[in-house]
Amino acid sequence: MNKGQRAGDSALAIDVEQGKSYYWCSCGKSSKQPFCDGSHKGTEFKPLTYKAELTKRVFFCVCKQTNDQPFCDGSHNKK
């Protein structure tokens, strides 16, 4: 899968709830970063579903360049 456009230059910390599904924006066009708002329609991109195994804080990628989707791996530091 190709990587989406940059939607920011840092990760977003989100408190997730065990058992809940989250739909990470992979295209970078969503106005509800880091989550999908359907802006990918008509492109090759689709949201990535993340189901939280534990209630905790996770760091979702916003630059869309990560190799550990949907999580930040520091790729935003490698412009």
N, C-alpha and C. Protein backbone atom coordinates (compact mmCIF):
# COMPACT_ATOMS: atom_id res chain seq x y z
N MET A 1 0.83 -1.18 0.00
CA MET A 1 0.00 0.00 0.00
C MET A 1 0.88 1.25 0.00
N ASN A 2 0.51 2.23 -0.80
CA ASN A 2 1.21 3.50 -0.80
C ASN A 2 0.93 4.24 0.49
N LYS A 3 1.78 5.20 0.79
CA LYS A 3 1.60 5.99 2.00
C LYS A 3 0.87 7.27 1.65
N GLY A 4 0.00 7.69 2.56
CA GLY A 4 -0.83 8.86 2.34
C GLY A 4 -0.06 10.16 2.49
N GLN A 5 -0.79 11.25 2.25
CA GLN A 5 -0.18 12.57 2.39
C GLN A 5 -0.01 12.93 3.86
N ARG A 6 0.98 13.73 4.15
CA ARG A 6 1.25 14.16 5.53
C ARG A 6 0.08 14.99 6.03
N ALA A 7 -0.40 14.63 7.20
CA ALA A 7 -1.48 15.39 7.83
C ALA A 7 -0.97 16.10 9.08
N GLY A 8 0.29 15.94 9.38
CA GLY A 8 0.89 16.56 10.55
C GLY A 8 2.32 16.09 10.71
N ASP A 9 2.98 16.65 11.70
CA ASP A 9 4.39 16.32 11.91
C ASP A 9 4.68 15.73 13.28
N SER A 10 3.67 15.10 13.87
CA SER A 10 3.87 14.46 15.17
C SER A 10 2.81 13.39 15.35
N ALA A 11 2.94 12.65 16.41
CA ALA A 11 1.93 11.64 16.75
C ALA A 11 0.81 12.29 17.56
N LEU A 12 -0.35 11.64 17.59
CA LEU A 12 -1.44 12.08 18.45
C LEU A 12 -1.67 11.01 19.50
N ALA A 13 -1.61 11.41 20.76
CA ALA A 13 -1.86 10.49 21.87
C ALA A 13 -3.36 10.39 22.07
N ILE A 14 -3.87 9.17 22.02
CA ILE A 14 -5.30 8.92 22.17
C ILE A 14 -5.50 7.84 23.23
N ASP A 15 -6.41 8.09 24.15
CA ASP A 15 -6.78 7.07 25.14
C ASP A 15 -7.82 6.16 24.50
N VAL A 16 -7.45 4.90 24.29
CA VAL A 16 -8.36 3.93 23.66
C VAL A 16 -8.98 3.04 24.73
N GLU A 17 -10.15 2.49 24.39
CA GLU A 17 -10.87 1.63 25.32
C GLU A 17 -10.82 0.18 24.84
N GLN A 18 -10.56 -0.71 25.76
CA GLN A 18 -10.49 -2.14 25.45
C GLN A 18 -11.75 -2.58 24.72
N GLY A 19 -11.56 -3.33 23.62
CA GLY A 19 -12.65 -3.89 22.85
C GLY A 19 -13.26 -2.95 21.82
N LYS A 20 -12.92 -1.68 21.85
CA LYS A 20 -13.47 -0.70 20.91
C LYS A 20 -12.61 -0.66 19.65
N SER A 21 -13.26 -0.48 18.50
CA SER A 21 -12.55 -0.37 17.22
C SER A 21 -12.38 1.09 16.84
N TYR A 22 -11.21 1.39 16.27
CA TYR A 22 -10.85 2.72 15.82
C TYR A 22 -10.44 2.60 14.36
N TYR A 23 -10.81 3.59 13.55
CA TYR A 23 -10.56 3.54 12.12
C TYR A 23 -9.57 4.64 11.74
N TRP A 24 -8.31 4.23 11.62
CA TRP A 24 -7.20 5.14 11.36
C TRP A 24 -7.21 5.59 9.90
N CYS A 25 -7.09 6.87 9.68
CA CYS A 25 -7.01 7.44 8.33
C CYS A 25 -5.65 7.09 7.73
N SER A 26 -5.67 6.44 6.58
CA SER A 26 -4.42 6.09 5.91
C SER A 26 -4.09 7.05 4.76
N CYS A 27 -5.07 7.84 4.32
CA CYS A 27 -4.84 8.72 3.17
C CYS A 27 -4.26 10.07 3.56
N GLY A 28 -4.52 10.51 4.80
CA GLY A 28 -4.02 11.80 5.26
C GLY A 28 -4.96 12.96 4.97
N LYS A 29 -6.12 12.69 4.35
CA LYS A 29 -7.03 13.77 3.96
C LYS A 29 -8.13 14.05 4.98
N SER A 30 -8.29 13.19 5.96
CA SER A 30 -9.37 13.35 6.94
C SER A 30 -9.22 14.63 7.74
N SER A 31 -10.34 15.26 8.03
CA SER A 31 -10.33 16.45 8.89
C SER A 31 -10.46 16.04 10.36
N LYS A 32 -10.56 14.73 10.62
CA LYS A 32 -10.71 14.21 11.98
C LYS A 32 -9.49 13.37 12.37
N GLN A 33 -8.30 13.82 12.02
CA GLN A 33 -7.07 13.08 12.30
C GLN A 33 -6.98 12.69 13.77
N PRO A 34 -6.51 11.49 14.07
CA PRO A 34 -5.92 10.52 13.15
C PRO A 34 -6.94 9.56 12.56
N PHE A 35 -8.22 9.86 12.73
CA PHE A 35 -9.26 8.92 12.33
C PHE A 35 -9.90 9.28 10.99
N CYS A 36 -10.50 8.29 10.37
CA CYS A 36 -11.11 8.41 9.06
C CYS A 36 -12.43 9.19 9.12
N ASP A 37 -12.64 10.06 8.12
CA ASP A 37 -13.93 10.73 7.97
C ASP A 37 -14.52 10.47 6.59
N GLY A 38 -13.94 9.52 5.85
CA GLY A 38 -14.44 9.16 4.53
C GLY A 38 -13.81 9.94 3.38
N SER A 39 -12.85 10.80 3.68
CA SER A 39 -12.23 11.63 2.63
C SER A 39 -11.46 10.81 1.60
N HIS A 40 -11.19 9.55 1.88
CA HIS A 40 -10.43 8.68 0.97
C HIS A 40 -11.28 8.22 -0.22
N LYS A 41 -12.58 8.43 -0.18
CA LYS A 41 -13.45 7.93 -1.25
C LYS A 41 -12.94 8.36 -2.62
N GLY A 42 -12.87 7.40 -3.54
CA GLY A 42 -12.37 7.66 -4.87
C GLY A 42 -10.86 7.51 -5.00
N THR A 43 -10.20 7.07 -3.93
CA THR A 43 -8.76 6.85 -3.96
C THR A 43 -8.48 5.38 -3.69
N GLU A 44 -7.21 5.01 -3.71
CA GLU A 44 -6.81 3.64 -3.40
C GLU A 44 -6.79 3.35 -1.91
N PHE A 45 -6.96 4.39 -1.08
CA PHE A 45 -6.83 4.25 0.36
C PHE A 45 -8.12 3.80 1.04
N LYS A 46 -7.93 3.10 2.14
CA LYS A 46 -9.03 2.65 2.99
C LYS A 46 -8.58 2.82 4.44
N PRO A 47 -9.52 3.03 5.36
CA PRO A 47 -9.10 3.14 6.75
C PRO A 47 -8.58 1.81 7.27
N LEU A 48 -7.66 1.89 8.21
CA LEU A 48 -7.13 0.70 8.86
C LEU A 48 -7.84 0.55 10.20
N THR A 49 -8.41 -0.62 10.43
CA THR A 49 -9.13 -0.87 11.67
C THR A 49 -8.16 -1.32 12.76
N TYR A 50 -8.23 -0.64 13.89
CA TYR A 50 -7.44 -1.01 15.07
C TYR A 50 -8.43 -1.31 16.19
N LYS A 51 -8.38 -2.51 16.73
CA LYS A 51 -9.23 -2.89 17.85
C LYS A 51 -8.35 -2.94 19.10
N ALA A 52 -8.70 -2.10 20.06
CA ALA A 52 -7.90 -1.99 21.28
C ALA A 52 -8.02 -3.26 22.12
N GLU A 53 -6.88 -3.84 22.45
CA GLU A 53 -6.86 -5.02 23.31
C GLU A 53 -6.88 -4.64 24.78
N LEU A 54 -6.41 -3.43 25.07
CA LEU A 54 -6.37 -2.92 26.45
C LEU A 54 -6.81 -1.46 26.45
N THR A 55 -7.31 -1.00 27.58
CA THR A 55 -7.57 0.42 27.76
C THR A 55 -6.23 1.06 28.11
N LYS A 56 -5.77 1.98 27.26
CA LYS A 56 -4.47 2.61 27.46
C LYS A 56 -4.32 3.78 26.50
N ARG A 57 -3.23 4.48 26.62
CA ARG A 57 -2.90 5.58 25.70
C ARG A 57 -1.99 5.04 24.62
N VAL A 58 -2.35 5.32 23.37
CA VAL A 58 -1.52 4.92 22.24
C VAL A 58 -1.20 6.16 21.41
N PHE A 59 -0.16 6.06 20.60
CA PHE A 59 0.28 7.19 19.79
C PHE A 59 0.05 6.85 18.32
N PHE A 60 -1.00 7.44 17.76
CA PHE A 60 -1.36 7.22 16.36
C PHE A 60 -0.53 8.13 15.46
N CYS A 61 -0.09 7.58 14.34
CA CYS A 61 0.67 8.33 13.35
C CYS A 61 -0.24 9.34 12.64
N VAL A 62 0.27 10.54 12.43
CA VAL A 62 -0.45 11.55 11.67
C VAL A 62 0.31 11.91 10.39
N CYS A 63 1.60 11.62 10.34
CA CYS A 63 2.36 11.95 9.12
C CYS A 63 2.10 10.95 8.00
N LYS A 64 1.55 9.78 8.35
CA LYS A 64 1.19 8.72 7.40
C LYS A 64 2.39 8.05 6.74
N GLN A 65 3.58 8.30 7.26
CA GLN A 65 4.79 7.70 6.70
C GLN A 65 5.31 6.52 7.52
N THR A 66 4.62 6.19 8.59
CA THR A 66 5.05 5.13 9.49
C THR A 66 5.12 3.76 8.80
N ASN A 67 5.99 2.93 9.29
CA ASN A 67 6.07 1.54 8.84
C ASN A 67 5.39 0.63 9.85
N ASP A 68 4.74 1.22 10.85
CA ASP A 68 4.06 0.47 11.91
C ASP A 68 2.60 0.94 12.02
N GLN A 69 1.92 1.01 10.89
CA GLN A 69 0.54 1.51 10.87
C GLN A 69 -0.35 0.77 11.86
N PRO A 70 -1.15 1.46 12.63
CA PRO A 70 -1.46 2.88 12.63
C PRO A 70 -0.64 3.70 13.62
N PHE A 71 0.40 3.11 14.15
CA PHE A 71 1.14 3.75 15.24
C PHE A 71 2.34 4.54 14.73
N CYS A 72 2.72 5.55 15.49
CA CYS A 72 3.88 6.37 15.18
C CYS A 72 5.16 5.55 15.39
N ASP A 73 6.06 5.63 14.43
CA ASP A 73 7.37 4.99 14.59
C ASP A 73 8.50 6.01 14.45
N GLY A 74 8.14 7.30 14.53
CA GLY A 74 9.14 8.36 14.42
C GLY A 74 9.46 8.78 13.00
N SER A 75 8.75 8.25 12.01
CA SER A 75 9.04 8.60 10.62
C SER A 75 8.87 10.08 10.33
N HIS A 76 8.06 10.79 11.13
CA HIS A 76 7.87 12.22 10.91
C HIS A 76 9.17 13.00 11.14
N ASN A 77 10.14 12.37 11.79
CA ASN A 77 11.43 13.02 12.01
C ASN A 77 12.38 12.82 10.83
N LYS A 78 11.97 12.01 9.86
CA LYS A 78 12.82 11.68 8.70
C LYS A 78 12.26 12.32 7.44
N LYS A 79 12.19 13.62 7.41
CA LYS A 79 11.61 14.34 6.26
C LYS A 79 12.47 14.17 5.09
